[in-house]
Amino acid sequence: MKYLLLLAPCVLTVLTPLYNALTPDFLGIPLFYWLQLLLIPVSALAIWAADRVAKAQP
């Protein structure tokens, strides 16, 4: 389970052709850039959740 939590942000980051676009923009920032910035806290949450799962297992 913890590996799936860690794999999700990695796969989303690697699949750049899916979100390599200028539109939609957010506050004038193209999709590519704001999605990359959004993936930073998502990755941090996934790492935290994987750590909690690993500590809960004996």
N, C-alpha and C. Protein backbone atom coordinates (compact mmCIF):
# COMPACT_ATOMS: atom_id res chain seq x y z
N MET A 1 0.81 -1.19 0.00
CA MET A 1 0.00 0.00 0.00
C MET A 1 0.86 1.26 0.00
N LYS A 2 1.93 1.24 0.81
CA LYS A 2 2.76 2.44 0.89
C LYS A 2 3.45 2.73 -0.44
N TYR A 3 3.75 1.68 -1.19
CA TYR A 3 4.40 1.90 -2.48
C TYR A 3 3.46 2.54 -3.50
N LEU A 4 2.19 2.21 -3.42
CA LEU A 4 1.22 2.85 -4.29
C LEU A 4 1.10 4.33 -3.97
N LEU A 5 1.16 4.67 -2.68
CA LEU A 5 1.10 6.07 -2.29
C LEU A 5 2.31 6.85 -2.81
N LEU A 6 3.45 6.19 -2.86
CA LEU A 6 4.66 6.85 -3.36
C LEU A 6 4.72 6.86 -4.88
N LEU A 7 4.09 5.91 -5.51
CA LEU A 7 4.13 5.81 -6.97
C LEU A 7 3.25 6.84 -7.66
N ALA A 8 2.12 7.18 -7.05
CA ALA A 8 1.16 8.08 -7.69
C ALA A 8 1.77 9.45 -8.06
N PRO A 9 2.43 10.17 -7.15
CA PRO A 9 3.00 11.46 -7.55
C PRO A 9 4.12 11.32 -8.59
N CYS A 10 4.87 10.22 -8.49
CA CYS A 10 5.94 10.01 -9.47
C CYS A 10 5.38 9.82 -10.88
N VAL A 11 4.34 9.03 -10.98
CA VAL A 11 3.73 8.77 -12.29
C VAL A 11 3.11 10.05 -12.84
N LEU A 12 2.44 10.81 -12.00
CA LEU A 12 1.84 12.08 -12.46
C LEU A 12 2.91 13.06 -12.95
N THR A 13 4.05 13.08 -12.30
CA THR A 13 5.12 13.98 -12.71
C THR A 13 5.74 13.55 -14.04
N VAL A 14 5.86 12.27 -14.24
CA VAL A 14 6.51 11.76 -15.46
C VAL A 14 5.60 11.89 -16.68
N LEU A 15 4.31 11.89 -16.49
CA LEU A 15 3.38 11.95 -17.62
C LEU A 15 3.13 13.39 -18.08
N THR A 16 4.20 14.12 -18.33
CA THR A 16 4.07 15.53 -18.73
C THR A 16 3.31 15.74 -20.04
N PRO A 17 3.34 14.83 -21.01
CA PRO A 17 2.54 15.09 -22.22
C PRO A 17 1.05 15.25 -21.94
N LEU A 18 0.56 14.73 -20.83
CA LEU A 18 -0.86 14.86 -20.51
C LEU A 18 -1.23 16.28 -20.10
N TYR A 19 -0.30 17.02 -19.53
CA TYR A 19 -0.62 18.36 -19.06
C TYR A 19 0.33 19.43 -19.60
N ASN A 20 1.00 19.15 -20.69
CA ASN A 20 1.87 20.12 -21.32
C ASN A 20 1.03 21.04 -22.21
N ALA A 21 0.39 22.03 -21.58
CA ALA A 21 -0.49 22.94 -22.30
C ALA A 21 -0.44 24.32 -21.66
N LEU A 22 -0.83 25.31 -22.42
CA LEU A 22 -0.88 26.67 -21.90
C LEU A 22 -2.22 26.97 -21.22
N THR A 23 -3.25 26.29 -21.67
CA THR A 23 -4.57 26.53 -21.09
C THR A 23 -5.03 25.28 -20.35
N PRO A 24 -5.77 25.33 -19.32
CA PRO A 24 -6.25 26.54 -18.67
C PRO A 24 -5.14 27.19 -17.85
N ASP A 25 -5.24 28.48 -17.69
CA ASP A 25 -4.26 29.16 -16.86
C ASP A 25 -4.89 29.58 -15.54
N PHE A 26 -4.07 29.75 -14.55
CA PHE A 26 -4.51 30.14 -13.21
C PHE A 26 -3.69 31.36 -12.81
N LEU A 27 -4.35 32.49 -12.70
CA LEU A 27 -3.69 33.76 -12.40
C LEU A 27 -2.59 34.08 -13.41
N GLY A 28 -2.83 33.73 -14.66
CA GLY A 28 -1.87 33.99 -15.72
C GLY A 28 -0.75 32.97 -15.82
N ILE A 29 -0.77 31.94 -14.98
CA ILE A 29 0.27 30.91 -15.00
C ILE A 29 -0.26 29.72 -15.78
N PRO A 30 0.46 29.27 -16.82
CA PRO A 30 -0.01 28.14 -17.63
C PRO A 30 -0.17 26.85 -16.81
N LEU A 31 -0.99 25.96 -17.32
CA LEU A 31 -1.31 24.69 -16.66
C LEU A 31 -0.06 23.92 -16.27
N PHE A 32 0.91 23.84 -17.15
CA PHE A 32 2.11 23.05 -16.89
C PHE A 32 2.79 23.49 -15.59
N TYR A 33 2.93 24.79 -15.40
CA TYR A 33 3.65 25.29 -14.24
C TYR A 33 2.85 25.16 -12.95
N TRP A 34 1.55 25.52 -12.98
CA TRP A 34 0.81 25.45 -11.72
C TRP A 34 0.53 24.01 -11.32
N LEU A 35 0.46 23.09 -12.28
CA LEU A 35 0.28 21.69 -11.90
C LEU A 35 1.57 21.13 -11.28
N GLN A 36 2.71 21.53 -11.82
CA GLN A 36 3.98 21.12 -11.21
C GLN A 36 4.09 21.65 -9.78
N LEU A 37 3.68 22.90 -9.57
CA LEU A 37 3.72 23.47 -8.22
C LEU A 37 2.71 22.79 -7.30
N LEU A 38 1.58 22.36 -7.84
CA LEU A 38 0.58 21.65 -7.04
C LEU A 38 1.07 20.26 -6.64
N LEU A 39 1.88 19.65 -7.49
CA LEU A 39 2.38 18.31 -7.19
C LEU A 39 3.38 18.28 -6.03
N ILE A 40 3.96 19.42 -5.67
CA ILE A 40 4.91 19.47 -4.56
C ILE A 40 4.21 19.13 -3.24
N PRO A 41 3.12 19.83 -2.86
CA PRO A 41 2.45 19.43 -1.61
C PRO A 41 1.76 18.08 -1.71
N VAL A 42 1.29 17.70 -2.90
CA VAL A 42 0.67 16.39 -3.07
C VAL A 42 1.72 15.30 -2.82
N SER A 43 2.92 15.49 -3.31
CA SER A 43 4.00 14.53 -3.08
C SER A 43 4.36 14.47 -1.60
N ALA A 44 4.41 15.62 -0.95
CA ALA A 44 4.72 15.64 0.48
C ALA A 44 3.66 14.90 1.28
N LEU A 45 2.40 15.08 0.94
CA LEU A 45 1.32 14.36 1.62
C LEU A 45 1.40 12.86 1.37
N ALA A 46 1.76 12.48 0.14
CA ALA A 46 1.89 11.06 -0.17
C ALA A 46 3.03 10.43 0.61
N ILE A 47 4.15 11.14 0.74
CA ILE A 47 5.28 10.63 1.52
C ILE A 47 4.89 10.50 2.99
N TRP A 48 4.20 11.50 3.51
CA TRP A 48 3.75 11.46 4.90
C TRP A 48 2.79 10.28 5.14
N ALA A 49 1.84 10.10 4.21
CA ALA A 49 0.87 9.01 4.35
C ALA A 49 1.57 7.65 4.25
N ALA A 50 2.53 7.51 3.36
CA ALA A 50 3.27 6.25 3.24
C ALA A 50 4.07 5.97 4.51
N ASP A 51 4.60 7.00 5.11
CA ASP A 51 5.33 6.83 6.38
C ASP A 51 4.39 6.38 7.48
N ARG A 52 3.21 6.97 7.55
CA ARG A 52 2.23 6.58 8.57
C ARG A 52 1.79 5.13 8.37
N VAL A 53 1.58 4.72 7.12
CA VAL A 53 1.20 3.34 6.83
C VAL A 53 2.32 2.39 7.22
N ALA A 54 3.56 2.76 6.91
CA ALA A 54 4.70 1.90 7.24
C ALA A 54 4.87 1.76 8.75
N LYS A 55 4.63 2.82 9.49
CA LYS A 55 4.78 2.75 10.95
C LYS A 55 3.63 1.98 11.60
N ALA A 56 2.48 1.96 10.95
CA ALA A 56 1.33 1.25 11.51
C ALA A 56 1.45 -0.26 11.32
N GLN A 57 2.20 -0.70 10.34
CA GLN A 57 2.36 -2.13 10.09
C GLN A 57 3.44 -2.68 11.03
N PRO A 58 3.19 -3.87 11.58
CA PRO A 58 4.20 -4.46 12.51
C PRO A 58 5.43 -4.95 11.80
